[in-house]
């Protein structure tokens, strides 16, 4: 997969992270670790942190600082109502694209 998956992830990682936050609250390292467990081994922590800063600035997540046993407080992210609307739009767009891609694949196999 290599470079192709990296390029595709650039356009979908935001939706993936918001989908994770729709299920549970999490801090940056937890999100990165979960992505890696799911097979996204090449995801850098810095990529996830930069993405979290962007979605926070856009008002898609709520942030709470929680004391940490080691070091400074952690920023824990949760999806808010505006983020849920954005995620719903992401899934509608995903469905549209995946249906069209499957249609193209089927036509190409005929």
N, C-alpha and C. Protein backbone atom coordinates (compact mmCIF):
# COMPACT_ATOMS: atom_id res chain seq x y z
N UNK A 1 0.83 -1.20 0.00
CA UNK A 1 0.00 0.00 0.00
C UNK A 1 0.87 1.25 0.00
N UNK A 2 1.78 1.37 0.92
CA UNK A 2 2.78 2.42 0.93
C UNK A 2 2.26 3.82 0.77
N UNK A 3 2.74 4.49 -0.27
CA UNK A 3 2.45 5.91 -0.48
C UNK A 3 0.97 6.17 -0.74
N UNK A 4 0.30 5.24 -1.39
CA UNK A 4 -1.11 5.45 -1.71
C UNK A 4 -1.96 5.58 -0.44
N UNK A 5 -1.71 4.73 0.54
CA UNK A 5 -2.49 4.82 1.77
C UNK A 5 -2.19 6.11 2.52
N UNK A 6 -0.94 6.55 2.47
CA UNK A 6 -0.58 7.81 3.13
C UNK A 6 -1.35 8.97 2.52
N UNK A 7 -1.44 9.00 1.22
CA UNK A 7 -2.17 10.07 0.53
C UNK A 7 -3.67 10.01 0.84
N UNK A 8 -4.23 8.82 0.85
CA UNK A 8 -5.66 8.68 1.14
C UNK A 8 -5.96 9.05 2.59
N UNK A 9 -5.07 8.70 3.49
CA UNK A 9 -5.27 9.03 4.91
C UNK A 9 -5.29 10.53 5.14
N UNK A 10 -4.53 11.29 4.36
CA UNK A 10 -4.51 12.74 4.53
C UNK A 10 -5.91 13.31 4.43
N UNK A 11 -6.71 12.76 3.55
CA UNK A 11 -8.07 13.27 3.37
C UNK A 11 -9.10 12.69 4.31
N UNK A 12 -8.77 11.62 4.99
CA UNK A 12 -9.77 10.96 5.83
C UNK A 12 -9.42 10.91 7.31
N UNK A 13 -8.19 11.23 7.67
CA UNK A 13 -7.77 11.07 9.06
C UNK A 13 -8.60 11.92 10.02
N UNK A 14 -8.97 13.11 9.59
CA UNK A 14 -9.80 13.96 10.44
C UNK A 14 -11.11 13.26 10.79
N UNK A 15 -11.76 12.69 9.79
CA UNK A 15 -13.01 11.97 10.03
C UNK A 15 -12.80 10.76 10.91
N UNK A 16 -11.69 10.07 10.72
CA UNK A 16 -11.38 8.89 11.53
C UNK A 16 -11.21 9.28 12.99
N UNK A 17 -10.47 10.35 13.24
CA UNK A 17 -10.25 10.80 14.61
C UNK A 17 -11.56 11.26 15.24
N UNK A 18 -12.38 11.98 14.50
CA UNK A 18 -13.67 12.40 15.04
C UNK A 18 -14.57 11.20 15.32
N UNK A 19 -14.48 10.17 14.49
CA UNK A 19 -15.25 8.95 14.73
C UNK A 19 -14.80 8.26 16.02
N UNK A 20 -13.50 8.28 16.29
CA UNK A 20 -12.99 7.72 17.55
C UNK A 20 -13.56 8.52 18.72
N UNK A 21 -13.55 9.85 18.60
CA UNK A 21 -14.04 10.70 19.68
C UNK A 21 -15.56 10.63 19.84
N UNK A 22 -16.26 10.15 18.82
CA UNK A 22 -17.70 9.94 18.93
C UNK A 22 -18.01 8.76 19.85
N UNK A 23 -17.05 7.84 19.96
CA UNK A 23 -17.23 6.64 20.77
C UNK A 23 -16.78 6.88 22.21
N UNK A 24 -15.68 7.65 22.36
CA UNK A 24 -15.16 7.89 23.71
C UNK A 24 -14.26 9.11 23.72
N UNK A 25 -14.07 9.68 24.90
CA UNK A 25 -13.11 10.76 25.03
C UNK A 25 -11.71 10.16 25.01
N UNK A 26 -10.74 10.96 24.58
CA UNK A 26 -9.37 10.45 24.49
C UNK A 26 -8.39 11.62 24.41
N UNK A 27 -7.17 11.34 24.77
CA UNK A 27 -6.10 12.32 24.57
C UNK A 27 -5.26 11.87 23.38
N UNK A 28 -4.38 12.74 22.93
CA UNK A 28 -3.65 12.51 21.68
C UNK A 28 -2.93 11.19 21.58
N UNK A 29 -2.20 10.83 22.62
CA UNK A 29 -1.43 9.59 22.55
C UNK A 29 -2.36 8.37 22.47
N UNK A 30 -3.49 8.41 23.19
CA UNK A 30 -4.45 7.29 23.12
C UNK A 30 -4.97 7.10 21.70
N UNK A 31 -5.26 8.21 21.04
CA UNK A 31 -5.76 8.15 19.67
C UNK A 31 -4.70 7.55 18.75
N UNK A 32 -3.47 8.03 18.88
CA UNK A 32 -2.37 7.51 18.07
C UNK A 32 -2.17 6.02 18.31
N UNK A 33 -2.18 5.61 19.57
CA UNK A 33 -1.99 4.19 19.91
C UNK A 33 -3.11 3.34 19.32
N UNK A 34 -4.35 3.80 19.39
CA UNK A 34 -5.47 3.05 18.84
C UNK A 34 -5.33 2.91 17.33
N UNK A 35 -4.96 4.00 16.67
CA UNK A 35 -4.77 3.95 15.21
C UNK A 35 -3.70 2.92 14.85
N UNK A 36 -2.62 2.91 15.60
CA UNK A 36 -1.55 1.96 15.33
C UNK A 36 -2.02 0.53 15.56
N UNK A 37 -2.81 0.32 16.61
CA UNK A 37 -3.36 -1.03 16.87
C UNK A 37 -4.25 -1.49 15.72
N UNK A 38 -4.89 -0.55 15.05
CA UNK A 38 -5.79 -0.87 13.94
C UNK A 38 -5.06 -1.03 12.62
N UNK A 39 -3.73 -0.93 12.65
CA UNK A 39 -2.96 -1.16 11.44
C UNK A 39 -2.39 0.07 10.78
N UNK A 40 -2.67 1.23 11.33
CA UNK A 40 -2.13 2.47 10.78
C UNK A 40 -0.78 2.76 11.44
N UNK A 41 0.18 1.89 11.19
CA UNK A 41 1.47 1.91 11.89
C UNK A 41 2.30 3.15 11.58
N UNK A 42 2.10 3.76 10.44
CA UNK A 42 2.93 4.88 10.04
C UNK A 42 2.43 6.24 10.52
N UNK A 43 1.35 6.25 11.30
CA UNK A 43 0.81 7.52 11.79
C UNK A 43 1.75 8.07 12.86
N UNK A 44 2.20 9.29 12.65
CA UNK A 44 3.08 9.94 13.63
C UNK A 44 2.24 10.67 14.68
N UNK A 45 2.73 10.66 15.91
CA UNK A 45 2.03 11.37 16.98
C UNK A 45 1.82 12.83 16.61
N UNK A 46 2.84 13.44 16.01
CA UNK A 46 2.75 14.85 15.63
C UNK A 46 1.61 15.13 14.67
N UNK A 47 1.32 14.18 13.80
CA UNK A 47 0.21 14.32 12.85
C UNK A 47 -1.11 14.40 13.59
N UNK A 48 -1.28 13.51 14.57
CA UNK A 48 -2.53 13.48 15.35
C UNK A 48 -2.66 14.75 16.19
N UNK A 49 -1.57 15.18 16.84
CA UNK A 49 -1.63 16.38 17.66
C UNK A 49 -1.96 17.62 16.83
N UNK A 50 -1.37 17.74 15.64
CA UNK A 50 -1.66 18.87 14.77
C UNK A 50 -3.13 18.85 14.35
N UNK A 51 -3.64 17.67 14.05
CA UNK A 51 -5.03 17.52 13.67
C UNK A 51 -5.94 17.93 14.83
N UNK A 52 -5.61 17.52 16.05
CA UNK A 52 -6.42 17.87 17.22
C UNK A 52 -6.44 19.37 17.45
N UNK A 53 -5.33 20.04 17.22
CA UNK A 53 -5.28 21.49 17.35
C UNK A 53 -6.23 22.12 16.32
N UNK A 54 -6.21 21.62 15.09
CA UNK A 54 -7.09 22.16 14.04
C UNK A 54 -8.56 21.97 14.37
N UNK A 55 -8.95 20.77 14.81
CA UNK A 55 -10.38 20.55 15.08
C UNK A 55 -10.82 21.32 16.33
N UNK A 56 -9.89 21.53 17.26
CA UNK A 56 -10.21 22.36 18.43
C UNK A 56 -10.46 23.81 18.00
N UNK A 57 -9.59 24.34 17.15
CA UNK A 57 -9.75 25.72 16.66
C UNK A 57 -11.05 25.89 15.88
N UNK A 58 -11.46 24.85 15.19
CA UNK A 58 -12.70 24.91 14.40
C UNK A 58 -13.94 24.66 15.24
N UNK A 59 -13.77 24.37 16.52
CA UNK A 59 -14.90 24.20 17.43
C UNK A 59 -15.61 22.87 17.30
N UNK A 60 -14.91 21.83 16.81
CA UNK A 60 -15.54 20.52 16.62
C UNK A 60 -15.41 19.62 17.84
N UNK A 61 -14.56 19.99 18.78
CA UNK A 61 -14.33 19.18 19.97
C UNK A 61 -14.32 20.08 21.21
N UNK A 62 -14.62 19.47 22.33
CA UNK A 62 -14.44 20.12 23.62
C UNK A 62 -13.17 19.56 24.23
N UNK A 63 -12.49 20.38 25.00
CA UNK A 63 -11.22 19.99 25.58
C UNK A 63 -11.28 20.21 27.09
N UNK A 64 -10.81 19.21 27.81
CA UNK A 64 -10.73 19.31 29.26
C UNK A 64 -9.32 18.93 29.68
N UNK A 65 -8.72 19.75 30.53
CA UNK A 65 -7.39 19.42 31.04
C UNK A 65 -7.56 18.55 32.27
N UNK A 66 -6.93 17.37 32.21
CA UNK A 66 -7.04 16.38 33.28
C UNK A 66 -5.65 16.17 33.87
N UNK A 67 -5.54 16.18 35.20
CA UNK A 67 -4.22 15.95 35.81
C UNK A 67 -3.62 14.62 35.35
N UNK A 68 -2.30 14.64 35.19
CA UNK A 68 -1.57 13.45 34.76
C UNK A 68 -0.67 13.00 35.90
N UNK A 69 -0.48 11.69 36.02
CA UNK A 69 0.41 11.16 37.03
C UNK A 69 1.85 11.56 36.74
N UNK A 70 2.15 11.72 35.46
CA UNK A 70 3.50 12.10 35.03
C UNK A 70 3.40 13.37 34.20
N UNK A 71 4.01 14.43 34.65
CA UNK A 71 4.09 15.64 33.85
C UNK A 71 2.87 16.53 33.93
N UNK A 72 2.75 17.40 32.93
CA UNK A 72 1.66 18.39 32.92
C UNK A 72 0.30 17.74 32.66
N UNK A 73 -0.77 18.49 32.91
CA UNK A 73 -2.11 17.95 32.65
C UNK A 73 -2.28 17.55 31.18
N UNK A 74 -3.10 16.54 30.96
CA UNK A 74 -3.39 16.09 29.60
C UNK A 74 -4.63 16.80 29.08
N UNK A 75 -4.63 17.05 27.78
CA UNK A 75 -5.82 17.59 27.13
C UNK A 75 -6.64 16.38 26.64
N UNK A 76 -7.83 16.25 27.20
CA UNK A 76 -8.72 15.16 26.82
C UNK A 76 -9.80 15.75 25.91
N UNK A 77 -9.98 15.12 24.76
CA UNK A 77 -10.89 15.62 23.73
C UNK A 77 -12.17 14.82 23.70
N UNK A 78 -13.27 15.53 23.47
CA UNK A 78 -14.56 14.86 23.26
C UNK A 78 -15.29 15.57 22.12
N UNK A 79 -16.06 14.81 21.40
CA UNK A 79 -16.80 15.36 20.27
C UNK A 79 -17.98 16.16 20.80
N UNK A 80 -18.18 17.37 20.28
CA UNK A 80 -19.34 18.17 20.69
C UNK A 80 -20.39 18.15 19.58
N UNK A 81 -21.47 18.91 19.76
CA UNK A 81 -22.58 18.88 18.79
C UNK A 81 -22.12 19.32 17.40
N UNK A 82 -21.31 20.35 17.32
CA UNK A 82 -20.82 20.81 16.01
C UNK A 82 -19.93 19.74 15.37
N UNK A 83 -19.13 19.07 16.18
CA UNK A 83 -18.29 17.99 15.67
C UNK A 83 -19.12 16.82 15.19
N UNK A 84 -20.21 16.53 15.90
CA UNK A 84 -21.09 15.43 15.49
C UNK A 84 -21.72 15.75 14.14
N UNK A 85 -22.14 16.99 13.93
CA UNK A 85 -22.70 17.38 12.63
C UNK A 85 -21.66 17.21 11.53
N UNK A 86 -20.44 17.63 11.81
CA UNK A 86 -19.36 17.49 10.83
C UNK A 86 -19.09 16.02 10.54
N UNK A 87 -19.09 15.19 11.57
CA UNK A 87 -18.86 13.76 11.39
C UNK A 87 -19.99 13.13 10.59
N UNK A 88 -21.23 13.53 10.84
CA UNK A 88 -22.36 13.02 10.05
C UNK A 88 -22.17 13.36 8.57
N UNK A 89 -21.71 14.58 8.30
CA UNK A 89 -21.45 14.97 6.90
C UNK A 89 -20.30 14.14 6.32
N UNK A 90 -19.27 13.89 7.12
CA UNK A 90 -18.15 13.06 6.68
C UNK A 90 -18.66 11.69 6.26
N UNK A 91 -19.54 11.05 7.08
CA UNK A 91 -20.04 9.72 6.75
C UNK A 91 -20.92 9.73 5.51
N UNK A 92 -21.71 10.80 5.32
CA UNK A 92 -22.52 10.90 4.09
C UNK A 92 -21.61 10.98 2.87
N UNK A 93 -20.56 11.79 2.98
CA UNK A 93 -19.61 11.92 1.88
C UNK A 93 -18.89 10.60 1.64
N UNK A 94 -18.49 9.93 2.71
CA UNK A 94 -17.82 8.62 2.61
C UNK A 94 -18.73 7.62 1.89
N UNK A 95 -19.99 7.57 2.29
CA UNK A 95 -20.94 6.64 1.65
C UNK A 95 -21.07 6.93 0.16
N UNK A 96 -21.20 8.21 -0.18
CA UNK A 96 -21.32 8.60 -1.58
C UNK A 96 -20.10 8.13 -2.37
N UNK A 97 -18.90 8.44 -1.86
CA UNK A 97 -17.67 8.07 -2.57
C UNK A 97 -17.49 6.56 -2.66
N UNK A 98 -17.74 5.85 -1.57
CA UNK A 98 -17.53 4.40 -1.59
C UNK A 98 -18.51 3.71 -2.53
N UNK A 99 -19.75 4.20 -2.60
CA UNK A 99 -20.72 3.62 -3.53
C UNK A 99 -20.26 3.83 -4.97
N UNK A 100 -19.78 5.04 -5.28
CA UNK A 100 -19.33 5.32 -6.65
C UNK A 100 -18.09 4.50 -6.99
N UNK A 101 -17.18 4.34 -6.05
CA UNK A 101 -15.98 3.54 -6.30
C UNK A 101 -16.33 2.07 -6.51
N UNK A 102 -17.25 1.54 -5.72
CA UNK A 102 -17.68 0.15 -5.91
C UNK A 102 -18.35 -0.03 -7.26
N UNK A 103 -19.13 0.97 -7.66
CA UNK A 103 -19.78 0.91 -8.97
C UNK A 103 -18.73 0.88 -10.08
N UNK A 104 -17.71 1.73 -9.97
CA UNK A 104 -16.63 1.74 -10.97
C UNK A 104 -15.87 0.42 -10.99
N UNK A 105 -15.62 -0.14 -9.82
CA UNK A 105 -14.92 -1.43 -9.75
C UNK A 105 -15.73 -2.51 -10.43
N UNK A 106 -17.04 -2.54 -10.13
CA UNK A 106 -17.91 -3.56 -10.72
C UNK A 106 -17.95 -3.43 -12.24
N UNK A 107 -18.05 -2.20 -12.73
CA UNK A 107 -18.07 -1.98 -14.18
C UNK A 107 -16.77 -2.40 -14.82
N UNK A 108 -15.66 -2.18 -14.12
CA UNK A 108 -14.36 -2.54 -14.66
C UNK A 108 -14.11 -4.04 -14.68
N UNK A 109 -14.83 -4.77 -13.84
CA UNK A 109 -14.68 -6.22 -13.78
C UNK A 109 -15.58 -6.96 -14.75
N UNK A 110 -16.50 -6.24 -15.39
CA UNK A 110 -17.44 -6.87 -16.32
C UNK A 110 -16.77 -7.22 -17.63
